[in-house]
């Protein structure tokens, strides 16, 4: 039986670390890659899991560095011939008391949370084999951002057909934030939430594209909110443990065959969250 290969971005700590831990325990005959921008921190995280009797592998990955992403693709192709589970977890969120301007927050949030995720997806999804699973860690903040959008902007999200359509919307948000007129143009006042709404919209597009791909079968793309988790991102205010936060991503990463009806969907607490 061919070994299944899983990879989790941004996984040296927090929810990503817990997803790696759970995959190591639950993925039968699997190889799990923990990735991190900082090699030392990544290897320290692997060592912590080794102490638990788990054997993840490490590969350096800076999701915002295209060369780093492509090196990872080449490595996976040469070493394993493909990929079976991709969990896009790497993200950034500014604190409520952040001193950066909203324009800076919008630009940085979009670069890490949407643009980098899109680049990783475009680079690695072609490696995903039949019965593969692609999981994007999004957030209900995306829903809240959508709720705050004008009817016109909501309509444009509802009309997206391609990845480029979503890219254009995200670009316009950043441009409006830079100009200081984003709310006047119908955008919400949340850089993080808007970037995550972009991920939710992107998931639906990728799922539709995968469903039409006749070169492989049963490859599903889904996204989820892990919940409000006790991590650095939440300033450790979240009531959930990182292992609880990993539950929904793991549920989606290990969806069994016959789950095509869930392709492209958003989940929270392992339940469908449909709002647009």
C-alpha atoms as a PDB file:
ATOM      1  CA  UNK A   1       0.000   0.000   0.000  1.00  0.00           C
ATOM      2  CA  UNK A   2       1.375   3.410  -1.004  1.00  0.00           C
ATOM      3  CA  UNK A   3       2.083   5.669   1.926  1.00  0.00           C
ATOM      4  CA  UNK A   4      -0.170   8.703   2.151  1.00  0.00           C
ATOM      5  CA  UNK A   5       1.661  12.008   2.457  1.00  0.00           C
ATOM      6  CA  UNK A   6       0.255  14.928   4.444  1.00  0.00           C
ATOM      7  CA  UNK A   7       1.604  18.441   4.858  1.00  0.00           C
ATOM      8  CA  UNK A   8       0.532  21.253   7.185  1.00  0.00           C
ATOM      9  CA  UNK A   9       1.685  24.845   6.694  1.00  0.00           C
ATOM     10  CA  UNK A  10       2.582  27.052   9.663  1.00  0.00           C
ATOM     11  CA  UNK A  11       2.699  24.078  11.998  1.00  0.00           C
ATOM     12  CA  UNK A  12       5.512  24.609  14.487  1.00  0.00           C
ATOM     13  CA  UNK A  13       3.008  25.842  17.101  1.00  0.00           C
ATOM     14  CA  UNK A  14      -0.660  26.408  17.829  1.00  0.00           C
ATOM     15  CA  UNK A  15      -3.423  24.791  15.788  1.00  0.00           C
ATOM     16  CA  UNK A  16      -1.034  23.714  13.024  1.00  0.00           C
ATOM     17  CA  UNK A  17       1.105  21.839  15.544  1.00  0.00           C
ATOM     18  CA  UNK A  18      -1.981  20.080  16.903  1.00  0.00           C
ATOM     19  CA  UNK A  19      -3.099  19.151  13.369  1.00  0.00           C
ATOM     20  CA  UNK A  20       0.288  17.525  12.752  1.00  0.00           C
ATOM     21  CA  UNK A  21       0.011  15.675  16.056  1.00  0.00           C
ATOM     22  CA  UNK A  22      -3.463  14.361  15.201  1.00  0.00           C
ATOM     23  CA  UNK A  23      -2.467  13.346  11.677  1.00  0.00           C
ATOM     24  CA  UNK A  24       0.516  11.432  13.049  1.00  0.00           C
ATOM     25  CA  UNK A  25      -1.894   9.496  15.278  1.00  0.00           C
ATOM     26  CA  UNK A  26      -4.776   9.019  12.840  1.00  0.00           C
ATOM     27  CA  UNK A  27      -3.326   8.794   9.314  1.00  0.00           C
ATOM     28  CA  UNK A  28      -2.851   5.096   8.636  1.00  0.00           C
ATOM     29  CA  UNK A  29       0.396   4.293   6.848  1.00  0.00           C
ATOM     30  CA  UNK A  30       1.131   8.009   6.603  1.00  0.00           C
ATOM     31  CA  UNK A  31       4.008  10.436   6.386  1.00  0.00           C
ATOM     32  CA  UNK A  32       3.257  13.825   7.942  1.00  0.00           C
ATOM     33  CA  UNK A  33       5.260  16.958   7.243  1.00  0.00           C
ATOM     34  CA  UNK A  34       5.467  19.726   9.814  1.00  0.00           C
ATOM     35  CA  UNK A  35       6.545  22.951   8.110  1.00  0.00           C
ATOM     36  CA  UNK A  36       7.709  26.270   9.443  1.00  0.00           C
ATOM     37  CA  UNK A  37       9.415  29.395   8.179  1.00  0.00           C
ATOM     38  CA  UNK A  38      12.103  29.139  10.867  1.00  0.00           C
ATOM     39  CA  UNK A  39      14.015  25.881  10.573  1.00  0.00           C
ATOM     40  CA  UNK A  40      15.202  25.835  14.191  1.00  0.00           C
ATOM     41  CA  UNK A  41      11.687  26.296  15.581  1.00  0.00           C
ATOM     42  CA  UNK A  42      10.337  23.717  13.179  1.00  0.00           C
ATOM     43  CA  UNK A  43      12.857  21.101  14.207  1.00  0.00           C
ATOM     44  CA  UNK A  44      12.215  21.879  17.886  1.00  0.00           C
ATOM     45  CA  UNK A  45       8.510  21.233  17.263  1.00  0.00           C
ATOM     46  CA  UNK A  46       9.314  17.901  15.614  1.00  0.00           C
ATOM     47  CA  UNK A  47      11.470  16.993  18.615  1.00  0.00           C
ATOM     48  CA  UNK A  48       8.558  17.715  20.976  1.00  0.00           C
ATOM     49  CA  UNK A  49       6.358  15.343  19.003  1.00  0.00           C
ATOM     50  CA  UNK A  50       9.150  12.765  18.936  1.00  0.00           C
ATOM     51  CA  UNK A  51       9.008  12.815  22.753  1.00  0.00           C
ATOM     52  CA  UNK A  52       5.336  11.812  22.444  1.00  0.00           C
ATOM     53  CA  UNK A  53       6.327   8.836  20.325  1.00  0.00           C
ATOM     54  CA  UNK A  54       5.281  10.463  17.042  1.00  0.00           C
ATOM     55  CA  UNK A  55       7.439  10.693  13.931  1.00  0.00           C
ATOM     56  CA  UNK A  56       6.588  13.709  11.754  1.00  0.00           C
ATOM     57  CA  UNK A  57       9.122  14.947   9.246  1.00  0.00           C
ATOM     58  CA  UNK A  58      10.230  18.566   8.848  1.00  0.00           C
ATOM     59  CA  UNK A  59      10.537  20.723   5.773  1.00  0.00           C
ATOM     60  CA  UNK A  60      11.226  24.438   5.733  1.00  0.00           C
ATOM     61  CA  UNK A  61       8.450  26.534   4.210  1.00  0.00           C
ATOM     62  CA  UNK A  62       7.883  30.272   4.119  1.00  0.00           C
ATOM     63  CA  UNK A  63       4.480  30.566   2.466  1.00  0.00           C
ATOM     64  CA  UNK A  64       5.215  34.149   1.380  1.00  0.00           C
ATOM     65  CA  UNK A  65       8.436  33.126  -0.413  1.00  0.00           C
ATOM     66  CA  UNK A  66       7.688  31.674  -3.852  1.00  0.00           C
ATOM     67  CA  UNK A  67      11.132  30.096  -4.092  1.00  0.00           C
ATOM     68  CA  UNK A  68      10.558  28.309  -0.766  1.00  0.00           C
ATOM     69  CA  UNK A  69       7.171  27.035  -1.975  1.00  0.00           C
ATOM     70  CA  UNK A  70       8.627  25.753  -5.232  1.00  0.00           C
ATOM     71  CA  UNK A  71      11.510  24.013  -3.482  1.00  0.00           C
ATOM     72  CA  UNK A  72       8.938  22.193  -1.368  1.00  0.00           C
ATOM     73  CA  UNK A  73       6.997  21.158  -4.481  1.00  0.00           C
ATOM     74  CA  UNK A  74      10.148  19.781  -6.114  1.00  0.00           C
ATOM     75  CA  UNK A  75      11.038  17.888  -2.935  1.00  0.00           C
ATOM     76  CA  UNK A  76       7.589  16.306  -2.610  1.00  0.00           C
ATOM     77  CA  UNK A  77       7.498  15.331  -6.268  1.00  0.00           C
ATOM     78  CA  UNK A  78      10.968  13.794  -6.226  1.00  0.00           C
ATOM     79  CA  UNK A  79      10.627  12.096  -2.832  1.00  0.00           C
ATOM     80  CA  UNK A  80       7.022  10.913  -2.833  1.00  0.00           C
ATOM     81  CA  UNK A  81       5.705  11.453  -6.342  1.00  0.00           C
ATOM     82  CA  UNK A  82       2.792  13.456  -5.020  1.00  0.00           C
ATOM     83  CA  UNK A  83       0.762  14.619  -2.029  1.00  0.00           C
ATOM     84  CA  UNK A  84      -2.444  13.330  -0.424  1.00  0.00           C
ATOM     85  CA  UNK A  85      -3.397  15.864   2.246  1.00  0.00           C
ATOM     86  CA  UNK A  86      -2.650  19.592   2.214  1.00  0.00           C
ATOM     87  CA  UNK A  87      -3.716  21.704   5.185  1.00  0.00           C
ATOM     88  CA  UNK A  88      -3.205  25.425   4.641  1.00  0.00           C
ATOM     89  CA  UNK A  89      -2.991  26.710   8.194  1.00  0.00           C
ATOM     90  CA  UNK A  90      -0.376  29.511   8.107  1.00  0.00           C
ATOM     91  CA  UNK A  91      -1.953  32.899   8.867  1.00  0.00           C
ATOM     92  CA  UNK A  92      -1.500  36.205  10.626  1.00  0.00           C
ATOM     93  CA  UNK A  93      -3.849  38.396  12.660  1.00  0.00           C
ATOM     94  CA  UNK A  94      -3.117  41.846  14.043  1.00  0.00           C
ATOM     95  CA  UNK A  95      -4.012  42.507  17.667  1.00  0.00           C
ATOM     96  CA  UNK A  96      -6.816  44.887  18.621  1.00  0.00           C
ATOM     97  CA  UNK A  97      -4.223  47.347  19.956  1.00  0.00           C
ATOM     98  CA  UNK A  98      -1.965  47.118  16.883  1.00  0.00           C
ATOM     99  CA  UNK A  99      -0.262  50.398  16.010  1.00  0.00           C
ATOM    100  CA  UNK A 100      -0.001  49.663  12.291  1.00  0.00           C
ATOM    101  CA  UNK A 101      -2.340  51.627  10.049  1.00  0.00           C
ATOM    102  CA  UNK A 102      -5.358  49.839   8.634  1.00  0.00           C
ATOM    103  CA  UNK A 103      -3.753  50.071   5.193  1.00  0.00           C
ATOM    104  CA  UNK A 104      -0.701  48.162   6.431  1.00  0.00           C
ATOM    105  CA  UNK A 105      -2.869  45.616   8.238  1.00  0.00           C
ATOM    106  CA  UNK A 106      -4.906  45.061   5.068  1.00  0.00           C
ATOM    107  CA  UNK A 107      -1.832  44.599   2.883  1.00  0.00           C
ATOM    108  CA  UNK A 108      -0.003  42.234   5.250  1.00  0.00           C
ATOM    109  CA  UNK A 109      -3.112  40.222   6.153  1.00  0.00           C
ATOM    110  CA  UNK A 110      -3.941  39.738   2.491  1.00  0.00           C
ATOM    111  CA  UNK A 111      -0.372  38.771   1.589  1.00  0.00           C
ATOM    112  CA  UNK A 112      -0.141  36.016   4.210  1.00  0.00           C
ATOM    113  CA  UNK A 113      -3.726  34.837   4.605  1.00  0.00           C
ATOM    114  CA  UNK A 114      -4.882  34.938   0.984  1.00  0.00           C
ATOM    115  CA  UNK A 115      -2.150  35.547  -1.583  1.00  0.00           C
ATOM    116  CA  UNK A 116       0.351  33.119  -0.019  1.00  0.00           C
ATOM    117  CA  UNK A 117      -2.356  30.492   0.464  1.00  0.00           C
ATOM    118  CA  UNK A 118      -3.328  30.885  -3.185  1.00  0.00           C
ATOM    119  CA  UNK A 119       0.306  30.501  -4.287  1.00  0.00           C
ATOM    120  CA  UNK A 120       0.786  27.390  -2.132  1.00  0.00           C
ATOM    121  CA  UNK A 121      -2.446  25.987  -3.553  1.00  0.00           C
ATOM    122  CA  UNK A 122      -1.545  26.666  -7.170  1.00  0.00           C
ATOM    123  CA  UNK A 123       1.868  25.106  -6.622  1.00  0.00           C
ATOM    124  CA  UNK A 124       0.950  22.036  -4.567  1.00  0.00           C
ATOM    125  CA  UNK A 125      -2.601  21.093  -5.595  1.00  0.00           C
ATOM    126  CA  UNK A 126      -1.320  19.758  -8.948  1.00  0.00           C
ATOM    127  CA  UNK A 127       0.603  17.171  -6.869  1.00  0.00           C
ATOM    128  CA  UNK A 128      -2.481  16.010  -4.973  1.00  0.00           C
ATOM    129  CA  UNK A 129      -3.449  12.468  -5.935  1.00  0.00           C
ATOM    130  CA  UNK A 130      -6.857  10.834  -6.303  1.00  0.00           C
ATOM    131  CA  UNK A 131      -8.773  10.743  -3.005  1.00  0.00           C
ATOM    132  CA  UNK A 132      -6.689  13.687  -1.785  1.00  0.00           C
ATOM    133  CA  UNK A 133      -7.963  16.315   0.637  1.00  0.00           C
ATOM    134  CA  UNK A 134      -7.220  20.046   0.643  1.00  0.00           C
ATOM    135  CA  UNK A 135      -8.222  21.913   3.783  1.00  0.00           C
ATOM    136  CA  UNK A 136      -7.957  25.671   4.223  1.00  0.00           C
ATOM    137  CA  UNK A 137      -8.126  26.948   7.785  1.00  0.00           C
ATOM    138  CA  UNK A 138     -10.436  29.942   7.433  1.00  0.00           C
ATOM    139  CA  UNK A 139     -12.533  31.620  10.139  1.00  0.00           C
ATOM    140  CA  UNK A 140     -16.054  32.660  11.004  1.00  0.00           C
ATOM    141  CA  UNK A 141     -14.475  36.127  10.905  1.00  0.00           C
ATOM    142  CA  UNK A 142     -14.876  35.706   7.150  1.00  0.00           C
ATOM    143  CA  UNK A 143     -18.634  35.320   7.610  1.00  0.00           C
ATOM    144  CA  UNK A 144     -18.753  38.356   9.876  1.00  0.00           C
ATOM    145  CA  UNK A 145     -16.841  40.359   7.265  1.00  0.00           C
ATOM    146  CA  UNK A 146     -19.275  39.203   4.584  1.00  0.00           C
ATOM    147  CA  UNK A 147     -22.216  40.244   6.762  1.00  0.00           C
ATOM    148  CA  UNK A 148     -20.773  43.777   6.932  1.00  0.00           C
ATOM    149  CA  UNK A 149     -20.306  44.137   3.163  1.00  0.00           C
ATOM    150  CA  UNK A 150     -22.621  46.224   1.033  1.00  0.00           C
ATOM    151  CA  UNK A 151     -25.155  44.422  -1.148  1.00  0.00           C
ATOM    152  CA  UNK A 152     -23.047  45.320  -4.189  1.00  0.00           C
ATOM    153  CA  UNK A 153     -19.851  43.773  -2.787  1.00  0.00           C
ATOM    154  CA  UNK A 154     -21.759  40.712  -1.566  1.00  0.00           C
ATOM    155  CA  UNK A 155     -23.169  40.307  -5.054  1.00  0.00           C
ATOM    156  CA  UNK A 156     -19.692  40.340  -6.535  1.00  0.00           C
ATOM    157  CA  UNK A 157     -18.605  37.577  -4.162  1.00  0.00           C
ATOM    158  CA  UNK A 158     -21.654  35.539  -5.101  1.00  0.00           C
ATOM    159  CA  UNK A 159     -20.767  35.951  -8.785  1.00  0.00           C
ATOM    160  CA  UNK A 160     -17.137  34.777  -8.652  1.00  0.00           C
ATOM    161  CA  UNK A 161     -16.295  32.044 -11.160  1.00  0.00           C
ATOM    162  CA  UNK A 162     -12.483  31.913 -11.157  1.00  0.00           C
ATOM    163  CA  UNK A 163      -9.545  32.314  -8.804  1.00  0.00           C
ATOM    164  CA  UNK A 164      -8.747  35.523 -10.675  1.00  0.00           C
ATOM    165  CA  UNK A 165     -12.185  36.906  -9.763  1.00  0.00           C
ATOM    166  CA  UNK A 166     -11.435  36.401  -6.074  1.00  0.00           C
ATOM    167  CA  UNK A 167      -7.934  37.837  -6.494  1.00  0.00           C
ATOM    168  CA  UNK A 168      -9.431  40.957  -8.041  1.00  0.00           C
ATOM    169  CA  UNK A 169     -11.808  41.452  -5.127  1.00  0.00           C
ATOM    170  CA  UNK A 170      -8.975  41.087  -2.620  1.00  0.00           C
ATOM    171  CA  UNK A 171      -6.864  43.537  -4.619  1.00  0.00           C
ATOM    172  CA  UNK A 172      -9.658  46.094  -4.624  1.00  0.00           C
ATOM    173  CA  UNK A 173     -10.078  45.771  -0.862  1.00  0.00           C
ATOM    174  CA  UNK A 174      -6.375  46.473  -0.271  1.00  0.00           C
ATOM    175  CA  UNK A 175      -6.453  49.411  -2.701  1.00  0.00           C
ATOM    176  CA  UNK A 176      -9.489  50.859  -0.934  1.00  0.00           C
ATOM    177  CA  UNK A 177      -7.818  50.378   2.454  1.00  0.00           C
ATOM    178  CA  UNK A 178      -4.769  52.233   1.145  1.00  0.00           C
ATOM    179  CA  UNK A 179      -6.995  55.058  -0.077  1.00  0.00           C
ATOM    180  CA  UNK A 180      -8.887  55.127   3.211  1.00  0.00           C
ATOM    181  CA  UNK A 181     -12.284  54.717   1.578  1.00  0.00           C
ATOM    182  CA  UNK A 182     -12.907  50.987   2.023  1.00  0.00           C
ATOM    183  CA  UNK A 183     -16.020  51.402   4.186  1.00  0.00           C
ATOM    184  CA  UNK A 184     -17.453  53.975   1.784  1.00  0.00           C
ATOM    185  CA  UNK A 185     -17.022  51.421  -0.987  1.00  0.00           C
ATOM    186  CA  UNK A 186     -18.905  48.757   0.931  1.00  0.00           C
ATOM    187  CA  UNK A 187     -16.027  46.834   2.471  1.00  0.00           C
ATOM    188  CA  UNK A 188     -15.913  45.754   6.134  1.00  0.00           C
ATOM    189  CA  UNK A 189     -13.526  47.233   8.647  1.00  0.00           C
ATOM    190  CA  UNK A 190     -11.692  43.946   9.209  1.00  0.00           C
ATOM    191  CA  UNK A 191      -8.531  43.085   7.315  1.00  0.00           C
ATOM    192  CA  UNK A 192      -8.344  39.610   8.842  1.00  0.00           C
ATOM    193  CA  UNK A 193     -12.002  38.851   8.198  1.00  0.00           C
ATOM    194  CA  UNK A 194     -11.877  40.038   4.604  1.00  0.00           C
ATOM    195  CA  UNK A 195      -8.782  37.937   3.886  1.00  0.00           C
ATOM    196  CA  UNK A 196     -10.547  34.890   5.332  1.00  0.00           C
ATOM    197  CA  UNK A 197     -13.668  35.588   3.265  1.00  0.00           C
ATOM    198  CA  UNK A 198     -11.335  35.481   0.288  1.00  0.00           C
ATOM    199  CA  UNK A 199     -10.208  32.013   1.403  1.00  0.00           C
ATOM    200  CA  UNK A 200     -13.823  30.844   1.758  1.00  0.00           C
ATOM    201  CA  UNK A 201     -14.641  32.089  -1.755  1.00  0.00           C
ATOM    202  CA  UNK A 202     -11.456  30.555  -3.143  1.00  0.00           C
ATOM    203  CA  UNK A 203     -12.356  27.163  -1.648  1.00  0.00           C
ATOM    204  CA  UNK A 204     -15.613  27.088  -3.605  1.00  0.00           C
ATOM    205  CA  UNK A 205     -13.783  27.883  -6.864  1.00  0.00           C
ATOM    206  CA  UNK A 206     -11.081  25.265  -6.278  1.00  0.00           C
ATOM    207  CA  UNK A 207     -13.680  22.650  -5.417  1.00  0.00           C
ATOM    208  CA  UNK A 208     -15.551  23.274  -8.663  1.00  0.00           C
ATOM    209  CA  UNK A 209     -12.312  23.052 -10.647  1.00  0.00           C
ATOM    210  CA  UNK A 210     -11.334  19.797  -8.945  1.00  0.00           C
ATOM    211  CA  UNK A 211     -14.760  18.302  -9.602  1.00  0.00           C
ATOM    212  CA  UNK A 212     -14.195  18.870 -13.344  1.00  0.00           C
ATOM    213  CA  UNK A 213     -10.678  17.388 -13.321  1.00  0.00           C
ATOM    214  CA  UNK A 214     -10.851  14.020 -15.101  1.00  0.00           C
ATOM    215  CA  UNK A 215      -7.190  13.158 -14.432  1.00  0.00           C
ATOM    216  CA  UNK A 216      -7.894  12.241 -10.794  1.00  0.00           C
ATOM    217  CA  UNK A 217     -10.948  11.382  -8.741  1.00  0.00           C
ATOM    218  CA  UNK A 218     -12.428  12.239  -5.360  1.00  0.00           C
ATOM    219  CA  UNK A 219     -10.141  15.202  -4.604  1.00  0.00           C
ATOM    220  CA  UNK A 220     -11.986  17.546  -2.258  1.00  0.00           C
ATOM    221  CA  UNK A 221     -11.290  21.138  -1.160  1.00  0.00           C
ATOM    222  CA  UNK A 222     -12.965  22.402   1.996  1.00  0.00           C
ATOM    223  CA  UNK A 223     -12.411  25.136   4.570  1.00  0.00           C
ATOM    224  CA  UNK A 224     -13.230  25.574   8.216  1.00  0.00           C
ATOM    225  CA  UNK A 225     -13.161  27.683  11.316  1.00  0.00           C
ATOM    226  CA  UNK A 226     -11.184  25.924  14.050  1.00  0.00           C
ATOM    227  CA  UNK A 227     -12.952  27.918  16.770  1.00  0.00           C
ATOM    228  CA  UNK A 228     -11.623  30.431  19.289  1.00  0.00           C
ATOM    229  CA  UNK A 229      -8.455  28.711  20.404  1.00  0.00           C
ATOM    230  CA  UNK A 230      -5.863  29.429  23.095  1.00  0.00           C
ATOM    231  CA  UNK A 231      -2.995  30.468  20.791  1.00  0.00           C
ATOM    232  CA  UNK A 232      -0.595  33.350  20.268  1.00  0.00           C
ATOM    233  CA  UNK A 233      -2.970  34.683  17.596  1.00  0.00           C
ATOM    234  CA  UNK A 234      -5.825  35.022  20.117  1.00  0.00           C
ATOM    235  CA  UNK A 235      -3.453  36.360  22.792  1.00  0.00           C
ATOM    236  CA  UNK A 236      -4.304  33.093  24.570  1.00  0.00           C
ATOM    237  CA  UNK A 237      -7.872  34.293  25.241  1.00  0.00           C
ATOM    238  CA  UNK A 238      -9.573  31.444  23.386  1.00  0.00           C
ATOM    239  CA  UNK A 239     -11.329  28.820  25.541  1.00  0.00           C
ATOM    240  CA  UNK A 240     -10.423  25.892  23.266  1.00  0.00           C
ATOM    241  CA  UNK A 241      -7.190  23.921  23.447  1.00  0.00           C
ATOM    242  CA  UNK A 242      -5.121  23.580  20.283  1.00  0.00           C
ATOM    243  CA  UNK A 243      -6.150  19.919  20.070  1.00  0.00           C
ATOM    244  CA  UNK A 244      -9.809  20.950  20.147  1.00  0.00           C
ATOM    245  CA  UNK A 245      -9.036  23.546  17.471  1.00  0.00           C
ATOM    246  CA  UNK A 246      -7.546  20.804  15.301  1.00  0.00           C
ATOM    247  CA  UNK A 247     -10.683  18.644  15.402  1.00  0.00           C
ATOM    248  CA  UNK A 248     -12.541  20.188  12.455  1.00  0.00           C
ATOM    249  CA  UNK A 249      -9.469  20.475  10.176  1.00  0.00           C
ATOM    250  CA  UNK A 250      -8.684  16.820  10.925  1.00  0.00           C
ATOM    251  CA  UNK A 251     -12.283  15.791  10.272  1.00  0.00           C
ATOM    252  CA  UNK A 252     -12.041  17.369   6.821  1.00  0.00           C
ATOM    253  CA  UNK A 253      -8.517  16.101   6.085  1.00  0.00           C
ATOM    254  CA  UNK A 254      -9.690  12.534   6.703  1.00  0.00           C
ATOM    255  CA  UNK A 255     -13.081  12.670   4.970  1.00  0.00           C
ATOM    256  CA  UNK A 256     -13.852   9.204   3.591  1.00  0.00           C
ATOM    257  CA  UNK A 257     -14.640   8.398  -0.048  1.00  0.00           C
ATOM    258  CA  UNK A 258     -18.210   9.301  -0.952  1.00  0.00           C
ATOM    259  CA  UNK A 259     -18.028  12.777   0.606  1.00  0.00           C
ATOM    260  CA  UNK A 260     -18.298  14.690  -2.685  1.00  0.00           C
ATOM    261  CA  UNK A 261     -21.372  16.535  -1.418  1.00  0.00           C
ATOM    262  CA  UNK A 262     -19.094  18.350   1.046  1.00  0.00           C
ATOM    263  CA  UNK A 263     -16.691  19.616  -1.621  1.00  0.00           C
ATOM    264  CA  UNK A 264     -16.248  23.401  -1.479  1.00  0.00           C
ATOM    265  CA  UNK A 265     -18.089  23.776   1.805  1.00  0.00           C
ATOM    266  CA  UNK A 266     -17.257  25.731   4.967  1.00  0.00           C
ATOM    267  CA  UNK A 267     -17.367  24.008   8.349  1.00  0.00           C
ATOM    268  CA  UNK A 268     -17.408  25.001  12.004  1.00  0.00           C
ATOM    269  CA  UNK A 269     -17.492  22.456  14.851  1.00  0.00           C
ATOM    270  CA  UNK A 270     -17.530  19.717  12.195  1.00  0.00           C
ATOM    271  CA  UNK A 271     -20.860  21.040  10.923  1.00  0.00           C
ATOM    272  CA  UNK A 272     -21.719  22.837   7.690  1.00  0.00           C
ATOM    273  CA  UNK A 273     -21.727  26.623   7.886  1.00  0.00           C
ATOM    274  CA  UNK A 274     -23.585  28.015   4.882  1.00  0.00           C
ATOM    275  CA  UNK A 275     -24.140  31.735   4.623  1.00  0.00           C
ATOM    276  CA  UNK A 276     -23.729  32.834   1.007  1.00  0.00           C
END
